[in-house]
Amino acid sequence: MHDPTETIRREQVKEINSDPNGREVLGAKHGEVWDTSGLQQKFVVLGFMAPYVIVARKSDGQKGSLMFQGSPRFYFGWSAD
């Protein structure tokens, strides 16, 4: 099955992971940032296609997406659907 977003996502993964940022830098760029433990506390993971993860917020069930970088693993850029 052809994924029309694959090329774009691969480029985003390269860009994000070529110069991984710490929590403070990501927070300044994207707002709230979560590590894996924080992600699990606040969200239910529904699926992922790097560099995106589809989630449902536990507090109200709102579905949306986050981006993530590989190492250090941080999740950021919450966007509600």
PDB file of N, CA and C in Angstrom:
ATOM      1  N   MET A   1       0.845  -1.173   0.000  1.00  0.00           N
ATOM      2  CA  MET A   1       0.000   0.000   0.000  1.00  0.00           C
ATOM      3  C   MET A   1       0.890   1.236   0.000  1.00  0.00           C
ATOM      4  N   HIS A   2       0.624   2.155  -0.887  1.00  0.00           N
ATOM      5  CA  HIS A   2       1.402   3.386  -1.008  1.00  0.00           C
ATOM      6  C   HIS A   2       0.934   4.417   0.029  1.00  0.00           C
ATOM      7  N   ASP A   3       1.888   4.979   0.745  1.00  0.00           N
ATOM      8  CA  ASP A   3       1.597   6.027   1.730  1.00  0.00           C
ATOM      9  C   ASP A   3       2.083   7.359   1.175  1.00  0.00           C
ATOM     10  N   PRO A   4       1.177   8.248   0.781  1.00  0.00           N
ATOM     11  CA  PRO A   4       1.581   9.518   0.181  1.00  0.00           C
ATOM     12  C   PRO A   4       2.315  10.448   1.152  1.00  0.00           C
ATOM     13  N   THR A   5       2.253  10.158   2.450  1.00  0.00           N
ATOM     14  CA  THR A   5       2.949  11.013   3.426  1.00  0.00           C
ATOM     15  C   THR A   5       4.342  10.506   3.779  1.00  0.00           C
ATOM     16  N   GLU A   6       4.725   9.340   3.265  1.00  0.00           N
ATOM     17  CA  GLU A   6       5.978   8.710   3.690  1.00  0.00           C
ATOM     18  C   GLU A   6       7.205   9.588   3.434  1.00  0.00           C
ATOM     19  N   THR A   7       7.327  10.154   2.266  1.00  0.00           N
ATOM     20  CA  THR A   7       8.495  10.971   1.943  1.00  0.00           C
ATOM     21  C   THR A   7       8.571  12.183   2.862  1.00  0.00           C
ATOM     22  N   ILE A   8       7.461  12.843   3.073  1.00  0.00           N
ATOM     23  CA  ILE A   8       7.423  14.018   3.948  1.00  0.00           C
ATOM     24  C   ILE A   8       7.787  13.630   5.372  1.00  0.00           C
ATOM     25  N   ARG A   9       7.204  12.543   5.862  1.00  0.00           N
ATOM     26  CA  ARG A   9       7.483  12.102   7.234  1.00  0.00           C
ATOM     27  C   ARG A   9       8.944  11.707   7.404  1.00  0.00           C
ATOM     28  N   ARG A  10       9.520  11.021   6.421  1.00  0.00           N
ATOM     29  CA  ARG A  10      10.938  10.636   6.509  1.00  0.00           C
ATOM     30  C   ARG A  10      11.827  11.875   6.616  1.00  0.00           C
ATOM     31  N   GLU A  11      11.516  12.896   5.842  1.00  0.00           N
ATOM     32  CA  GLU A  11      12.284  14.149   5.913  1.00  0.00           C
ATOM     33  C   GLU A  11      12.132  14.805   7.286  1.00  0.00           C
ATOM     34  N   GLN A  12      10.922  14.784   7.825  1.00  0.00           N
ATOM     35  CA  GLN A  12      10.697  15.355   9.153  1.00  0.00           C
ATOM     36  C   GLN A  12      11.465  14.583  10.220  1.00  0.00           C
ATOM     37  N   VAL A  13      11.483  13.266  10.118  1.00  0.00           N
ATOM     38  CA  VAL A  13      12.239  12.445  11.078  1.00  0.00           C
ATOM     39  C   VAL A  13      13.715  12.810  11.017  1.00  0.00           C
ATOM     40  N   LYS A  14      14.273  12.909   9.810  1.00  0.00           N
ATOM     41  CA  LYS A  14      15.683  13.291   9.653  1.00  0.00           C
ATOM     42  C   LYS A  14      15.953  14.643  10.287  1.00  0.00           C
ATOM     43  N   GLU A  15      15.076  15.605  10.001  1.00  0.00           N
ATOM     44  CA  GLU A  15      15.256  16.964  10.528  1.00  0.00           C
ATOM     45  C   GLU A  15      15.184  16.984  12.055  1.00  0.00           C
ATOM     46  N   ILE A  16      14.185  16.347  12.624  1.00  0.00           N
ATOM     47  CA  ILE A  16      14.002  16.338  14.069  1.00  0.00           C
ATOM     48  C   ILE A  16      15.171  15.662  14.766  1.00  0.00           C
ATOM     49  N   ASN A  17      15.622  14.533  14.224  1.00  0.00           N
ATOM     50  CA  ASN A  17      16.653  13.742  14.894  1.00  0.00           C
ATOM     51  C   ASN A  17      18.074  14.140  14.527  1.00  0.00           C
ATOM     52  N   SER A  18      18.253  15.009  13.527  1.00  0.00           N
ATOM     53  CA  SER A  18      19.608  15.443  13.166  1.00  0.00           C
ATOM     54  C   SER A  18      20.199  16.365  14.224  1.00  0.00           C
ATOM     55  N   ASP A  19      19.347  17.070  14.934  1.00  0.00           N
ATOM     56  CA  ASP A  19      19.793  17.977  15.988  1.00  0.00           C
ATOM     57  C   ASP A  19      18.775  17.905  17.120  1.00  0.00           C
ATOM     58  N   PRO A  20      18.758  16.762  17.865  1.00  0.00           N
ATOM     59  CA  PRO A  20      17.742  16.603  18.912  1.00  0.00           C
ATOM     60  C   PRO A  20      17.879  17.670  19.988  1.00  0.00           C
ATOM     61  N   ASN A  21      16.758  18.145  20.458  1.00  0.00           N
ATOM     62  CA  ASN A  21      16.733  19.203  21.453  1.00  0.00           C
ATOM     63  C   ASN A  21      16.347  18.668  22.820  1.00  0.00           C
ATOM     64  N   GLY A  22      16.726  19.414  23.845  1.00  0.00           N
ATOM     65  CA  GLY A  22      16.307  19.101  25.196  1.00  0.00           C
ATOM     66  C   GLY A  22      14.905  19.620  25.450  1.00  0.00           C
ATOM     67  N   ARG A  23      14.392  19.294  26.605  1.00  0.00           N
ATOM     68  CA  ARG A  23      13.032  19.678  26.985  1.00  0.00           C
ATOM     69  C   ARG A  23      12.825  21.188  26.926  1.00  0.00           C
ATOM     70  N   GLU A  24      13.784  21.965  27.403  1.00  0.00           N
ATOM     71  CA  GLU A  24      13.609  23.425  27.443  1.00  0.00           C
ATOM     72  C   GLU A  24      13.492  24.021  26.044  1.00  0.00           C
ATOM     73  N   VAL A  25      14.347  23.595  25.124  1.00  0.00           N
ATOM     74  CA  VAL A  25      14.310  24.122  23.754  1.00  0.00           C
ATOM     75  C   VAL A  25      13.007  23.717  23.067  1.00  0.00           C
ATOM     76  N   LEU A  26      12.636  22.449  23.202  1.00  0.00           N
ATOM     77  CA  LEU A  26      11.377  21.999  22.599  1.00  0.00           C
ATOM     78  C   LEU A  26      10.185  22.742  23.196  1.00  0.00           C
ATOM     79  N   GLY A  27      10.212  22.966  24.515  1.00  0.00           N
ATOM     80  CA  GLY A  27       9.131  23.693  25.170  1.00  0.00           C
ATOM     81  C   GLY A  27       9.001  25.114  24.655  1.00  0.00           C
ATOM     82  N   ALA A  28      10.135  25.775  24.427  1.00  0.00           N
ATOM     83  CA  ALA A  28      10.109  27.148  23.901  1.00  0.00           C
ATOM     84  C   ALA A  28       9.536  27.184  22.482  1.00  0.00           C
ATOM     85  N   LYS A  29       9.797  26.144  21.708  1.00  0.00           N
ATOM     86  CA  LYS A  29       9.312  26.085  20.321  1.00  0.00           C
ATOM     87  C   LYS A  29       7.870  25.604  20.213  1.00  0.00           C
ATOM     88  N   HIS A  30       7.499  24.609  21.050  1.00  0.00           N
ATOM     89  CA  HIS A  30       6.247  23.885  20.829  1.00  0.00           C
ATOM     90  C   HIS A  30       5.281  23.877  22.014  1.00  0.00           C
ATOM     91  N   GLY A  31       5.629  24.489  23.113  1.00  0.00           N
ATOM     92  CA  GLY A  31       4.756  24.441  24.285  1.00  0.00           C
ATOM     93  C   GLY A  31       5.088  23.248  25.152  1.00  0.00           C
ATOM     94  N   GLU A  32       4.063  22.622  25.712  1.00  0.00           N
ATOM     95  CA  GLU A  32       4.275  21.531  26.656  1.00  0.00           C
ATOM     96  C   GLU A  32       4.992  20.342  26.000  1.00  0.00           C
ATOM     97  N   VAL A  33       5.898  19.729  26.777  1.00  0.00           N
ATOM     98  CA  VAL A  33       6.712  18.603  26.316  1.00  0.00           C
ATOM     99  C   VAL A  33       6.576  17.474  27.330  1.00  0.00           C
ATOM    100  N   TRP A  34       6.472  16.233  26.838  1.00  0.00           N
ATOM    101  CA  TRP A  34       6.333  15.076  27.717  1.00  0.00           C
ATOM    102  C   TRP A  34       7.420  14.061  27.419  1.00  0.00           C
ATOM    103  N   ASP A  35       7.935  13.421  28.468  1.00  0.00           N
ATOM    104  CA  ASP A  35       8.761  12.230  28.272  1.00  0.00           C
ATOM    105  C   ASP A  35       7.806  11.047  28.173  1.00  0.00           C
ATOM    106  N   THR A  36       8.336   9.834  28.035  1.00  0.00           N
ATOM    107  CA  THR A  36       7.468   8.667  27.843  1.00  0.00           C
ATOM    108  C   THR A  36       6.523   8.460  29.019  1.00  0.00           C
ATOM    109  N   SER A  37       7.034   8.621  30.228  1.00  0.00           N
ATOM    110  CA  SER A  37       6.192   8.452  31.414  1.00  0.00           C
ATOM    111  C   SER A  37       5.066   9.488  31.443  1.00  0.00           C
ATOM    112  N   GLY A  38       5.392  10.733  31.145  1.00  0.00           N
ATOM    113  CA  GLY A  38       4.391  11.794  31.109  1.00  0.00           C
ATOM    114  C   GLY A  38       3.352  11.564  30.032  1.00  0.00           C
ATOM    115  N   LEU A  39       3.794  11.069  28.875  1.00  0.00           N
ATOM    116  CA  LEU A  39       2.870  10.750  27.792  1.00  0.00           C
ATOM    117  C   LEU A  39       1.871   9.695  28.260  1.00  0.00           C
ATOM    118  N   GLN A  40       2.361   8.654  28.912  1.00  0.00           N
ATOM    119  CA  GLN A  40       1.491   7.575  29.366  1.00  0.00           C
ATOM    120  C   GLN A  40       0.516   8.034  30.443  1.00  0.00           C
ATOM    121  N   GLN A  41       0.903   9.012  31.235  1.00  0.00           N
ATOM    122  CA  GLN A  41       0.015   9.524  32.278  1.00  0.00           C
ATOM    123  C   GLN A  41      -1.112  10.369  31.695  1.00  0.00           C
ATOM    124  N   LYS A  42      -0.812  11.133  30.651  1.00  0.00           N
ATOM    125  CA  LYS A  42      -1.764  12.097  30.127  1.00  0.00           C
ATOM    126  C   LYS A  42      -2.566  11.604  28.922  1.00  0.00           C
ATOM    127  N   PHE A  43      -2.006  10.649  28.167  1.00  0.00           N
ATOM    128  CA  PHE A  43      -2.614  10.228  26.905  1.00  0.00           C
ATOM    129  C   PHE A  43      -2.699   8.714  26.788  1.00  0.00           C
ATOM    130  N   VAL A  44      -3.621   8.260  25.942  1.00  0.00           N
ATOM    131  CA  VAL A  44      -3.672   6.871  25.493  1.00  0.00           C
ATOM    132  C   VAL A  44      -3.165   6.891  24.055  1.00  0.00           C
ATOM    133  N   VAL A  45      -2.164   6.092  23.756  1.00  0.00           N
ATOM    134  CA  VAL A  45      -1.601   6.040  22.404  1.00  0.00           C
ATOM    135  C   VAL A  45      -2.484   5.149  21.539  1.00  0.00           C
ATOM    136  N   LEU A  46      -2.906   5.711  20.404  1.00  0.00           N
ATOM    137  CA  LEU A  46      -3.778   4.985  19.479  1.00  0.00           C
ATOM    138  C   LEU A  46      -3.014   4.440  18.277  1.00  0.00           C
ATOM    139  N   GLY A  47      -1.896   5.068  17.936  1.00  0.00           N
ATOM    140  CA  GLY A  47      -1.094   4.619  16.800  1.00  0.00           C
ATOM    141  C   GLY A  47       0.010   5.610  16.523  1.00  0.00           C
ATOM    142  N   PHE A  48       0.946   5.205  15.678  1.00  0.00           N
ATOM    143  CA  PHE A  48       1.994   6.145  15.312  1.00  0.00           C
ATOM    144  C   PHE A  48       2.547   5.858  13.930  1.00  0.00           C
ATOM    145  N   MET A  49       3.034   6.904  13.324  1.00  0.00           N
ATOM    146  CA  MET A  49       3.784   6.878  12.075  1.00  0.00           C
ATOM    147  C   MET A  49       4.803   7.998  12.222  1.00  0.00           C
ATOM    148  N   ALA A  50       6.017   7.603  12.551  1.00  0.00           N
ATOM    149  CA  ALA A  50       7.062   8.573  12.869  1.00  0.00           C
ATOM    150  C   ALA A  50       7.093   9.704  11.847  1.00  0.00           C
ATOM    151  N   PRO A  51       7.218  10.922  12.329  1.00  0.00           N
ATOM    152  CA  PRO A  51       7.436  11.390  13.691  1.00  0.00           C
ATOM    153  C   PRO A  51       6.157  11.769  14.433  1.00  0.00           C
ATOM    154  N   TYR A  52       5.037  11.143  14.089  1.00  0.00           N
ATOM    155  CA  TYR A  52       3.763  11.474  14.728  1.00  0.00           C
ATOM    156  C   TYR A  52       3.243  10.318  15.562  1.00  0.00           C
ATOM    157  N   VAL A  53       2.536  10.652  16.616  1.00  0.00           N
ATOM    158  CA  VAL A  53       1.831   9.674  17.423  1.00  0.00           C
ATOM    159  C   VAL A  53       0.402  10.184  17.594  1.00  0.00           C
ATOM    160  N   ILE A  54      -0.561   9.312  17.345  1.00  0.00           N
ATOM    161  CA  ILE A  54      -1.970   9.658  17.490  1.00  0.00           C
ATOM    162  C   ILE A  54      -2.392   9.233  18.890  1.00  0.00           C
ATOM    163  N   VAL A  55      -3.041  10.150  19.599  1.00  0.00           N
ATOM    164  CA  VAL A  55      -3.366   9.916  21.003  1.00  0.00           C
ATOM    165  C   VAL A  55      -4.787  10.369  21.316  1.00  0.00           C
ATOM    166  N   ALA A  56      -5.263   9.927  22.467  1.00  0.00           N
ATOM    167  CA  ALA A  56      -6.497  10.439  23.058  1.00  0.00           C
ATOM    168  C   ALA A  56      -6.119  10.952  24.446  1.00  0.00           C
ATOM    169  N   ARG A  57      -6.503  12.175  24.749  1.00  0.00           N
ATOM    170  CA  ARG A  57      -6.209  12.758  26.054  1.00  0.00           C
ATOM    171  C   ARG A  57      -7.090  12.098  27.095  1.00  0.00           C
ATOM    172  N   LYS A  58      -6.489  11.609  28.168  1.00  0.00           N
ATOM    173  CA  LYS A  58      -7.231  10.883  29.192  1.00  0.00           C
ATOM    174  C   LYS A  58      -8.244  11.756  29.918  1.00  0.00           C
ATOM    175  N   SER A  59      -7.946  13.025  30.087  1.00  0.00           N
ATOM    176  CA  SER A  59      -8.823  13.899  30.868  1.00  0.00           C
ATOM    177  C   SER A  59     -10.197  14.099  30.237  1.00  0.00           C
ATOM    178  N   ASP A  60     -10.271  14.101  28.904  1.00  0.00           N
ATOM    179  CA  ASP A  60     -11.548  14.381  28.252  1.00  0.00           C
ATOM    180  C   ASP A  60     -11.810  13.561  26.985  1.00  0.00           C
ATOM    181  N   GLY A  61     -10.879  12.660  26.645  1.00  0.00           N
ATOM    182  CA  GLY A  61     -11.068  11.825  25.466  1.00  0.00           C
ATOM    183  C   GLY A  61     -10.757  12.498  24.148  1.00  0.00           C
ATOM    184  N   GLN A  62     -10.336  13.774  24.179  1.00  0.00           N
ATOM    185  CA  GLN A  62     -10.018  14.508  22.948  1.00  0.00           C
ATOM    186  C   GLN A  62      -8.904  13.794  22.180  1.00  0.00           C
ATOM    187  N   LYS A  63      -9.161  13.482  20.913  1.00  0.00           N
ATOM    188  CA  LYS A  63      -8.143  12.860  20.072  1.00  0.00           C
ATOM    189  C   LYS A  63      -7.300  13.939  19.420  1.00  0.00           C
ATOM    190  N   GLY A  64      -6.059  13.584  19.148  1.00  0.00           N
ATOM    191  CA  GLY A  64      -5.153  14.518  18.504  1.00  0.00           C
ATOM    192  C   GLY A  64      -3.841  13.840  18.181  1.00  0.00           C
ATOM    193  N   SER A  65      -2.830  14.656  17.897  1.00  0.00           N
ATOM    194  CA  SER A  65      -1.523  14.110  17.553  1.00  0.00           C
ATOM    195  C   SER A  65      -0.420  14.892  18.247  1.00  0.00           C
ATOM    196  N   LEU A  66       0.700  14.222  18.397  1.00  0.00           N
ATOM    197  CA  LEU A  66       1.932  14.805  18.911  1.00  0.00           C
ATOM    198  C   LEU A  66       3.038  14.414  17.949  1.00  0.00           C
ATOM    199  N   MET A  67       4.125  15.167  17.966  1.00  0.00           N
ATOM    200  CA  MET A  67       5.339  14.766  17.270  1.00  0.00           C
ATOM    201  C   MET A  67       6.293  14.216  18.318  1.00  0.00           C
ATOM    202  N   PHE A  68       7.291  13.460  17.870  1.00  0.00           N
ATOM    203  CA  PHE A  68       8.298  12.989  18.814  1.00  0.00           C
ATOM    204  C   PHE A  68       9.659  12.911  18.148  1.00  0.00           C
ATOM    205  N   GLN A  69      10.690  13.045  18.992  1.00  0.00           N
ATOM    206  CA  GLN A  69      12.056  12.852  18.537  1.00  0.00           C
ATOM    207  C   GLN A  69      12.574  11.569  19.174  1.00  0.00           C
ATOM    208  N   GLY A  70      13.606  10.982  18.545  1.00  0.00           N
ATOM    209  CA  GLY A  70      14.092   9.681  18.957  1.00  0.00           C
ATOM    210  C   GLY A  70      14.863   9.662  20.270  1.00  0.00           C
ATOM    211  N   SER A  71      15.890  10.485  20.393  1.00  0.00           N
ATOM    212  CA  SER A  71      16.736  10.428  21.579  1.00  0.00           C
ATOM    213  C   SER A  71      17.352  11.792  21.839  1.00  0.00           C
ATOM    214  N   PRO A  72      17.099  12.395  22.980  1.00  0.00           N
ATOM    215  CA  PRO A  72      16.227  11.875  24.016  1.00  0.00           C
ATOM    216  C   PRO A  72      14.769  11.886  23.549  1.00  0.00           C
ATOM    217  N   ARG A  73      14.017  10.875  23.975  1.00  0.00           N
ATOM    218  CA  ARG A  73      12.636  10.728  23.532  1.00  0.00           C
ATOM    219  C   ARG A  73      11.761  11.738  24.251  1.00  0.00           C
ATOM    220  N   PHE A  74      11.245  12.677  23.480  1.00  0.00           N
ATOM    221  CA  PHE A  74      10.291  13.657  23.969  1.00  0.00           C
ATOM    222  C   PHE A  74       9.152  13.766  22.971  1.00  0.00           C
ATOM    223  N   TYR A  75       7.966  14.031  23.479  1.00  0.00           N
ATOM    224  CA  TYR A  75       6.757  14.203  22.700  1.00  0.00           C
ATOM    225  C   TYR A  75       6.323  15.661  22.829  1.00  0.00           C
ATOM    226  N   PHE A  76       5.876  16.273  21.747  1.00  0.00           N
ATOM    227  CA  PHE A  76       5.590  17.709  21.770  1.00  0.00           C
ATOM    228  C   PHE A  76       4.648  18.077  20.635  1.00  0.00           C
ATOM    229  N   GLY A  77       4.188  19.316  20.659  1.00  0.00           N
ATOM    230  CA  GLY A  77       3.381  19.839  19.555  1.00  0.00           C
ATOM    231  C   GLY A  77       1.962  19.311  19.513  1.00  0.00           C
ATOM    232  N   TRP A  78       1.318  19.196  20.683  1.00  0.00           N
ATOM    233  CA  TRP A  78      -0.073  18.721  20.742  1.00  0.00           C
ATOM    234  C   TRP A  78      -0.939  19.481  19.748  1.00  0.00           C
ATOM    235  N   SER A  79      -1.706  18.719  18.969  1.00  0.00           N
ATOM    236  CA  SER A  79      -2.651  19.295  18.027  1.00  0.00           C
ATOM    237  C   SER A  79      -3.939  18.487  18.099  1.00  0.00           C
ATOM    238  N   ALA A  80      -5.010  19.125  18.561  1.00  0.00           N
ATOM    239  CA  ALA A  80      -6.296  18.442  18.666  1.00  0.00           C
ATOM    240  C   ALA A  80      -6.884  18.227  17.281  1.00  0.00           C
ATOM    241  N   ASP A  81      -7.582  17.104  17.105  1.00  0.00           N
ATOM    242  CA  ASP A  81      -8.266  16.846  15.826  1.00  0.00           C
ATOM    243  C   ASP A  81      -9.557  17.622  15.772  1.00  0.00           C
TER     244      ASP A  81
END
